[in-house]
Amino acid sequence: MQTFVGAVIAALGVLLVLQGLNASESISSEISRVFTGSPTEKSLWLLAGGIVAVVVGLAIASVRGKPKT
């Protein structure tokens, strides 16, 4: 069960990263990049949250519980 939960969290993290990449290529992000030199905060938060979720999901999936006897 723990492996399944970790895989789900990692998969959601991948979706967040993809959404962040999509948001960073939007028109509003391009305009923000012209004036400030960086993409919008929304795209940065999506990317950061996605990366954290992938790492946490993989960590949860890789931890083994107590063996059942």
PDB file of N, CA and C in Angstrom:
ATOM      1  N   MET A   1       0.813  -1.190   0.000  1.00  0.00           N
ATOM      2  CA  MET A   1       0.000   0.000   0.000  1.00  0.00           C
ATOM      3  C   MET A   1       0.862   1.262   0.000  1.00  0.00           C
ATOM      4  N   GLN A   2       1.952   1.218   0.770  1.00  0.00           N
ATOM      5  CA  GLN A   2       2.842   2.373   0.864  1.00  0.00           C
ATOM      6  C   GLN A   2       3.479   2.681  -0.487  1.00  0.00           C
ATOM      7  N   THR A   3       3.824   1.650  -1.240  1.00  0.00           N
ATOM      8  CA  THR A   3       4.401   1.851  -2.565  1.00  0.00           C
ATOM      9  C   THR A   3       3.399   2.508  -3.490  1.00  0.00           C
ATOM     10  N   PHE A   4       2.145   2.104  -3.393  1.00  0.00           N
ATOM     11  CA  PHE A   4       1.099   2.683  -4.230  1.00  0.00           C
ATOM     12  C   PHE A   4       0.903   4.165  -3.923  1.00  0.00           C
ATOM     13  N   VAL A   5       0.852   4.518  -2.648  1.00  0.00           N
ATOM     14  CA  VAL A   5       0.673   5.915  -2.245  1.00  0.00           C
ATOM     15  C   VAL A   5       1.854   6.754  -2.739  1.00  0.00           C
ATOM     16  N   GLY A   6       3.063   6.235  -2.589  1.00  0.00           N
ATOM     17  CA  GLY A   6       4.242   6.949  -3.061  1.00  0.00           C
ATOM     18  C   GLY A   6       4.217   7.156  -4.564  1.00  0.00           C
ATOM     19  N   ALA A   7       3.778   6.136  -5.280  1.00  0.00           N
ATOM     20  CA  ALA A   7       3.699   6.252  -6.745  1.00  0.00           C
ATOM     21  C   ALA A   7       2.659   7.280  -7.166  1.00  0.00           C
ATOM     22  N   VAL A   8       1.543   7.342  -6.448  1.00  0.00           N
ATOM     23  CA  VAL A   8       0.494   8.320  -6.757  1.00  0.00           C
ATOM     24  C   VAL A   8       1.008   9.738  -6.508  1.00  0.00           C
ATOM     25  N   ILE A   9       1.689   9.941  -5.385  1.00  0.00           N
ATOM     26  CA  ILE A   9       2.235  11.264  -5.084  1.00  0.00           C
ATOM     27  C   ILE A   9       3.277  11.659  -6.131  1.00  0.00           C
ATOM     28  N   ALA A  10       4.128  10.728  -6.533  1.00  0.00           N
ATOM     29  CA  ALA A  10       5.134  11.017  -7.558  1.00  0.00           C
ATOM     30  C   ALA A  10       4.470  11.337  -8.897  1.00  0.00           C
ATOM     31  N   ALA A  11       3.419  10.615  -9.233  1.00  0.00           N
ATOM     32  CA  ALA A  11       2.707  10.878 -10.487  1.00  0.00           C
ATOM     33  C   ALA A  11       2.054  12.263 -10.473  1.00  0.00           C
ATOM     34  N   LEU A  12       1.468  12.629  -9.341  1.00  0.00           N
ATOM     35  CA  LEU A  12       0.897  13.974  -9.217  1.00  0.00           C
ATOM     36  C   LEU A  12       1.984  15.038  -9.324  1.00  0.00           C
ATOM     37  N   GLY A  13       3.159  14.740  -8.797  1.00  0.00           N
ATOM     38  CA  GLY A  13       4.286  15.666  -8.917  1.00  0.00           C
ATOM     39  C   GLY A  13       4.698  15.860 -10.362  1.00  0.00           C
ATOM     40  N   VAL A  14       4.705  14.786 -11.119  1.00  0.00           N
ATOM     41  CA  VAL A  14       5.041  14.897 -12.550  1.00  0.00           C
ATOM     42  C   VAL A  14       4.006  15.762 -13.260  1.00  0.00           C
ATOM     43  N   LEU A  15       2.737  15.581 -12.907  1.00  0.00           N
ATOM     44  CA  LEU A  15       1.692  16.413 -13.514  1.00  0.00           C
ATOM     45  C   LEU A  15       1.876  17.888 -13.156  1.00  0.00           C
ATOM     46  N   LEU A  16       2.266  18.166 -11.922  1.00  0.00           N
ATOM     47  CA  LEU A  16       2.519  19.555 -11.525  1.00  0.00           C
ATOM     48  C   LEU A  16       3.699  20.151 -12.290  1.00  0.00           C
ATOM     49  N   VAL A  17       4.748  19.367 -12.474  1.00  0.00           N
ATOM     50  CA  VAL A  17       5.904  19.852 -13.232  1.00  0.00           C
ATOM     51  C   VAL A  17       5.497  20.153 -14.670  1.00  0.00           C
ATOM     52  N   LEU A  18       4.731  19.270 -15.276  1.00  0.00           N
ATOM     53  CA  LEU A  18       4.280  19.509 -16.648  1.00  0.00           C
ATOM     54  C   LEU A  18       3.396  20.748 -16.734  1.00  0.00           C
ATOM     55  N   GLN A  19       2.528  20.930 -15.749  1.00  0.00           N
ATOM     56  CA  GLN A  19       1.677  22.121 -15.714  1.00  0.00           C
ATOM     57  C   GLN A  19       2.530  23.380 -15.527  1.00  0.00           C
ATOM     58  N   GLY A  20       3.556  23.290 -14.707  1.00  0.00           N
ATOM     59  CA  GLY A  20       4.457  24.425 -14.507  1.00  0.00           C
ATOM     60  C   GLY A  20       5.221  24.771 -15.769  1.00  0.00           C
ATOM     61  N   LEU A  21       5.651  23.756 -16.508  1.00  0.00           N
ATOM     62  CA  LEU A  21       6.331  24.008 -17.780  1.00  0.00           C
ATOM     63  C   LEU A  21       5.385  24.660 -18.774  1.00  0.00           C
ATOM     64  N   ASN A  22       4.146  24.198 -18.779  1.00  0.00           N
ATOM     65  CA  ASN A  22       3.132  24.798 -19.643  1.00  0.00           C
ATOM     66  C   ASN A  22       2.892  26.256 -19.265  1.00  0.00           C
ATOM     67  N   ALA A  23       2.784  26.525 -17.969  1.00  0.00           N
ATOM     68  CA  ALA A  23       2.535  27.886 -17.501  1.00  0.00           C
ATOM     69  C   ALA A  23       3.716  28.801 -17.776  1.00  0.00           C
ATOM     70  N   SER A  24       4.926  28.255 -17.758  1.00  0.00           N
ATOM     71  CA  SER A  24       6.102  29.099 -17.993  1.00  0.00           C
ATOM     72  C   SER A  24       6.214  29.524 -19.449  1.00  0.00           C
ATOM     73  N   GLU A  25       5.504  28.843 -20.334  1.00  0.00           N
ATOM     74  CA  GLU A  25       5.532  29.206 -21.753  1.00  0.00           C
ATOM     75  C   GLU A  25       4.288  29.989 -22.166  1.00  0.00           C
ATOM     76  N   SER A  26       3.473  30.413 -21.194  1.00  0.00           N
ATOM     77  CA  SER A  26       2.258  31.160 -21.514  1.00  0.00           C
ATOM     78  C   SER A  26       2.598  32.608 -21.870  1.00  0.00           C
ATOM     79  N   ILE A  27       1.617  33.297 -22.392  1.00  0.00           N
ATOM     80  CA  ILE A  27       1.819  34.686 -22.803  1.00  0.00           C
ATOM     81  C   ILE A  27       2.105  35.570 -21.596  1.00  0.00           C
ATOM     82  N   SER A  28       1.371  35.356 -20.501  1.00  0.00           N
ATOM     83  CA  SER A  28       1.597  36.193 -19.318  1.00  0.00           C
ATOM     84  C   SER A  28       2.998  35.970 -18.749  1.00  0.00           C
ATOM     85  N   SER A  29       3.473  34.746 -18.828  1.00  0.00           N
ATOM     86  CA  SER A  29       4.818  34.451 -18.357  1.00  0.00           C
ATOM     87  C   SER A  29       5.866  35.089 -19.273  1.00  0.00           C
ATOM     88  N   GLU A  30       5.603  35.101 -20.557  1.00  0.00           N
ATOM     89  CA  GLU A  30       6.526  35.749 -21.504  1.00  0.00           C
ATOM     90  C   GLU A  30       6.594  37.251 -21.248  1.00  0.00           C
ATOM     91  N   ILE A  31       5.438  37.872 -20.993  1.00  0.00           N
ATOM     92  CA  ILE A  31       5.414  39.307 -20.704  1.00  0.00           C
ATOM     93  C   ILE A  31       6.156  39.586 -19.396  1.00  0.00           C
ATOM     94  N   SER A  32       5.921  38.751 -18.393  1.00  0.00           N
ATOM     95  CA  SER A  32       6.621  38.909 -17.121  1.00  0.00           C
ATOM     96  C   SER A  32       8.125  38.757 -17.316  1.00  0.00           C
ATOM     97  N   ARG A  33       8.528  37.817 -18.153  1.00  0.00           N
ATOM     98  CA  ARG A  33       9.954  37.584 -18.404  1.00  0.00           C
ATOM     99  C   ARG A  33      10.591  38.794 -19.086  1.00  0.00           C
ATOM    100  N   VAL A  34       9.843  39.481 -19.949  1.00  0.00           N
ATOM    101  CA  VAL A  34      10.375  40.663 -20.639  1.00  0.00           C
ATOM    102  C   VAL A  34      10.672  41.774 -19.630  1.00  0.00           C
ATOM    103  N   PHE A  35       9.751  42.004 -18.687  1.00  0.00           N
ATOM    104  CA  PHE A  35       9.906  43.119 -17.756  1.00  0.00           C
ATOM    105  C   PHE A  35      10.726  42.780 -16.523  1.00  0.00           C
ATOM    106  N   THR A  36      10.605  41.573 -16.007  1.00  0.00           N
ATOM    107  CA  THR A  36      11.296  41.231 -14.764  1.00  0.00           C
ATOM    108  C   THR A  36      12.472  40.288 -14.957  1.00  0.00           C
ATOM    109  N   GLY A  37      12.530  39.621 -16.081  1.00  0.00           N
ATOM    110  CA  GLY A  37      13.612  38.668 -16.320  1.00  0.00           C
ATOM    111  C   GLY A  37      13.332  37.270 -15.805  1.00  0.00           C
ATOM    112  N   SER A  38      12.165  37.066 -15.192  1.00  0.00           N
ATOM    113  CA  SER A  38      11.822  35.732 -14.694  1.00  0.00           C
ATOM    114  C   SER A  38      10.359  35.437 -15.014  1.00  0.00           C
ATOM    115  N   PRO A  39       9.997  34.157 -15.082  1.00  0.00           N
ATOM    116  CA  PRO A  39       8.595  33.798 -15.357  1.00  0.00           C
ATOM    117  C   PRO A  39       7.692  34.138 -14.173  1.00  0.00           C
ATOM    118  N   THR A  40       6.404  33.944 -14.340  1.00  0.00           N
ATOM    119  CA  THR A  40       5.443  34.276 -13.281  1.00  0.00           C
ATOM    120  C   THR A  40       5.647  33.388 -12.055  1.00  0.00           C
ATOM    121  N   GLU A  41       5.163  33.885 -10.925  1.00  0.00           N
ATOM    122  CA  GLU A  41       5.288  33.119  -9.683  1.00  0.00           C
ATOM    123  C   GLU A  41       4.497  31.823  -9.739  1.00  0.00           C
ATOM    124  N   LYS A  42       3.368  31.834 -10.437  1.00  0.00           N
ATOM    125  CA  LYS A  42       2.543  30.624 -10.535  1.00  0.00           C
ATOM    126  C   LYS A  42       3.343  29.487 -11.149  1.00  0.00           C
ATOM    127  N   SER A  43       4.039  29.779 -12.243  1.00  0.00           N
ATOM    128  CA  SER A  43       4.797  28.712 -12.895  1.00  0.00           C
ATOM    129  C   SER A  43       5.954  28.240 -12.017  1.00  0.00           C
ATOM    130  N   LEU A  44       6.579  29.153 -11.291  1.00  0.00           N
ATOM    131  CA  LEU A  44       7.669  28.753 -10.401  1.00  0.00           C
ATOM    132  C   LEU A  44       7.161  27.885  -9.250  1.00  0.00           C
ATOM    133  N   TRP A  45       5.999  28.241  -8.685  1.00  0.00           N
ATOM    134  CA  TRP A  45       5.432  27.437  -7.598  1.00  0.00           C
ATOM    135  C   TRP A  45       5.003  26.058  -8.086  1.00  0.00           C
ATOM    136  N   LEU A  46       4.445  25.999  -9.287  1.00  0.00           N
ATOM    137  CA  LEU A  46       4.048  24.697  -9.835  1.00  0.00           C
ATOM    138  C   LEU A  46       5.268  23.804 -10.047  1.00  0.00           C
ATOM    139  N   LEU A  47       6.336  24.384 -10.592  1.00  0.00           N
ATOM    140  CA  LEU A  47       7.552  23.602 -10.813  1.00  0.00           C
ATOM    141  C   LEU A  47       8.164  23.144  -9.496  1.00  0.00           C
ATOM    142  N   ALA A  48       8.282  24.058  -8.537  1.00  0.00           N
ATOM    143  CA  ALA A  48       8.880  23.700  -7.248  1.00  0.00           C
ATOM    144  C   ALA A  48       8.031  22.665  -6.512  1.00  0.00           C
ATOM    145  N   GLY A  49       6.727  22.866  -6.490  1.00  0.00           N
ATOM    146  CA  GLY A  49       5.845  21.903  -5.826  1.00  0.00           C
ATOM    147  C   GLY A  49       5.873  20.541  -6.485  1.00  0.00           C
ATOM    148  N   GLY A  50       5.949  20.534  -7.808  1.00  0.00           N
ATOM    149  CA  GLY A  50       6.021  19.270  -8.528  1.00  0.00           C
ATOM    150  C   GLY A  50       7.298  18.505  -8.235  1.00  0.00           C
ATOM    151  N   ILE A  51       8.399  19.231  -8.193  1.00  0.00           N
ATOM    152  CA  ILE A  51       9.681  18.580  -7.906  1.00  0.00           C
ATOM    153  C   ILE A  51       9.677  18.006  -6.490  1.00  0.00           C
ATOM    154  N   VAL A  52       9.165  18.778  -5.537  1.00  0.00           N
ATOM    155  CA  VAL A  52       9.090  18.294  -4.155  1.00  0.00           C
ATOM    156  C   VAL A  52       8.187  17.065  -4.069  1.00  0.00           C
ATOM    157  N   ALA A  53       7.054  17.098  -4.753  1.00  0.00           N
ATOM    158  CA  ALA A  53       6.124  15.960  -4.713  1.00  0.00           C
ATOM    159  C   ALA A  53       6.741  14.707  -5.322  1.00  0.00           C
ATOM    160  N   VAL A  54       7.498  14.865  -6.401  1.00  0.00           N
ATOM    161  CA  VAL A  54       8.163  13.708  -7.009  1.00  0.00           C
ATOM    162  C   VAL A  54       9.178  13.112  -6.042  1.00  0.00           C
ATOM    163  N   VAL A  55       9.981  13.959  -5.412  1.00  0.00           N
ATOM    164  CA  VAL A  55      10.997  13.461  -4.475  1.00  0.00           C
ATOM    165  C   VAL A  55      10.342  12.774  -3.271  1.00  0.00           C
ATOM    166  N   VAL A  56       9.315  13.400  -2.709  1.00  0.00           N
ATOM    167  CA  VAL A  56       8.632  12.818  -1.555  1.00  0.00           C
ATOM    168  C   VAL A  56       7.946  11.506  -1.947  1.00  0.00           C
ATOM    169  N   GLY A  57       7.296  11.492  -3.097  1.00  0.00           N
ATOM    170  CA  GLY A  57       6.632  10.274  -3.556  1.00  0.00           C
ATOM    171  C   GLY A  57       7.600   9.127  -3.760  1.00  0.00           C
ATOM    172  N   LEU A  58       8.745   9.416  -4.363  1.00  0.00           N
ATOM    173  CA  LEU A  58       9.742   8.366  -4.562  1.00  0.00           C
ATOM    174  C   LEU A  58      10.328   7.897  -3.235  1.00  0.00           C
ATOM    175  N   ALA A  59      10.509   8.824  -2.297  1.00  0.00           N
ATOM    176  CA  ALA A  59      11.025   8.440  -0.981  1.00  0.00           C
ATOM    177  C   ALA A  59      10.027   7.544  -0.251  1.00  0.00           C
ATOM    178  N   ILE A  60       8.755   7.896  -0.306  1.00  0.00           N
ATOM    179  CA  ILE A  60       7.732   7.068   0.351  1.00  0.00           C
ATOM    180  C   ILE A  60       7.648   5.690  -0.295  1.00  0.00           C
ATOM    181  N   ALA A  61       7.725   5.650  -1.617  1.00  0.00           N
ATOM    182  CA  ALA A  61       7.626   4.372  -2.327  1.00  0.00           C
ATOM    183  C   ALA A  61       8.836   3.475  -2.046  1.00  0.00           C
ATOM    184  N   SER A  62       9.982   4.073  -1.781  1.00  0.00           N
ATOM    185  CA  SER A  62      11.190   3.261  -1.615  1.00  0.00           C
ATOM    186  C   SER A  62      11.392   2.764  -0.179  1.00  0.00           C
ATOM    187  N   VAL A  63      10.711   3.363   0.799  1.00  0.00           N
ATOM    188  CA  VAL A  63      10.856   2.938   2.185  1.00  0.00           C
ATOM    189  C   VAL A  63      10.088   1.645   2.397  1.00  0.00           C
ATOM    190  N   ARG A  64      10.749   0.697   2.992  1.00  0.00           N
ATOM    191  CA  ARG A  64      10.111  -0.589   3.251  1.00  0.00           C
ATOM    192  C   ARG A  64       9.590  -0.615   4.687  1.00  0.00           C
ATOM    193  N   GLY A  65       8.427  -1.164   4.853  1.00  0.00           N
ATOM    194  CA  GLY A  65       7.840  -1.300   6.188  1.00  0.00           C
ATOM    195  C   GLY A  65       8.405  -2.523   6.894  1.00  0.00           C
ATOM    196  N   LYS A  66       7.864  -2.758   8.073  1.00  0.00           N
ATOM    197  CA  LYS A  66       8.291  -3.922   8.822  1.00  0.00           C
ATOM    198  C   LYS A  66       7.823  -5.184   8.103  1.00  0.00           C
ATOM    199  N   PRO A  67       8.648  -6.213   8.039  1.00  0.00           N
ATOM    200  CA  PRO A  67       8.215  -7.449   7.417  1.00  0.00           C
ATOM    201  C   PRO A  67       7.140  -8.131   8.263  1.00  0.00           C
ATOM    202  N   LYS A  68       6.157  -8.675   7.592  1.00  0.00           N
ATOM    203  CA  LYS A  68       5.068  -9.363   8.297  1.00  0.00           C
ATOM    204  C   LYS A  68       5.493 -10.790   8.589  1.00  0.00           C
ATOM    205  N   THR A  69       5.291 -11.204   9.809  1.00  0.00           N
ATOM    206  CA  THR A  69       5.672 -12.578  10.197  1.00  0.00           C
ATOM    207  C   THR A  69       4.471 -13.395  10.548  1.00  0.00           C
TER     208      THR A  69
END
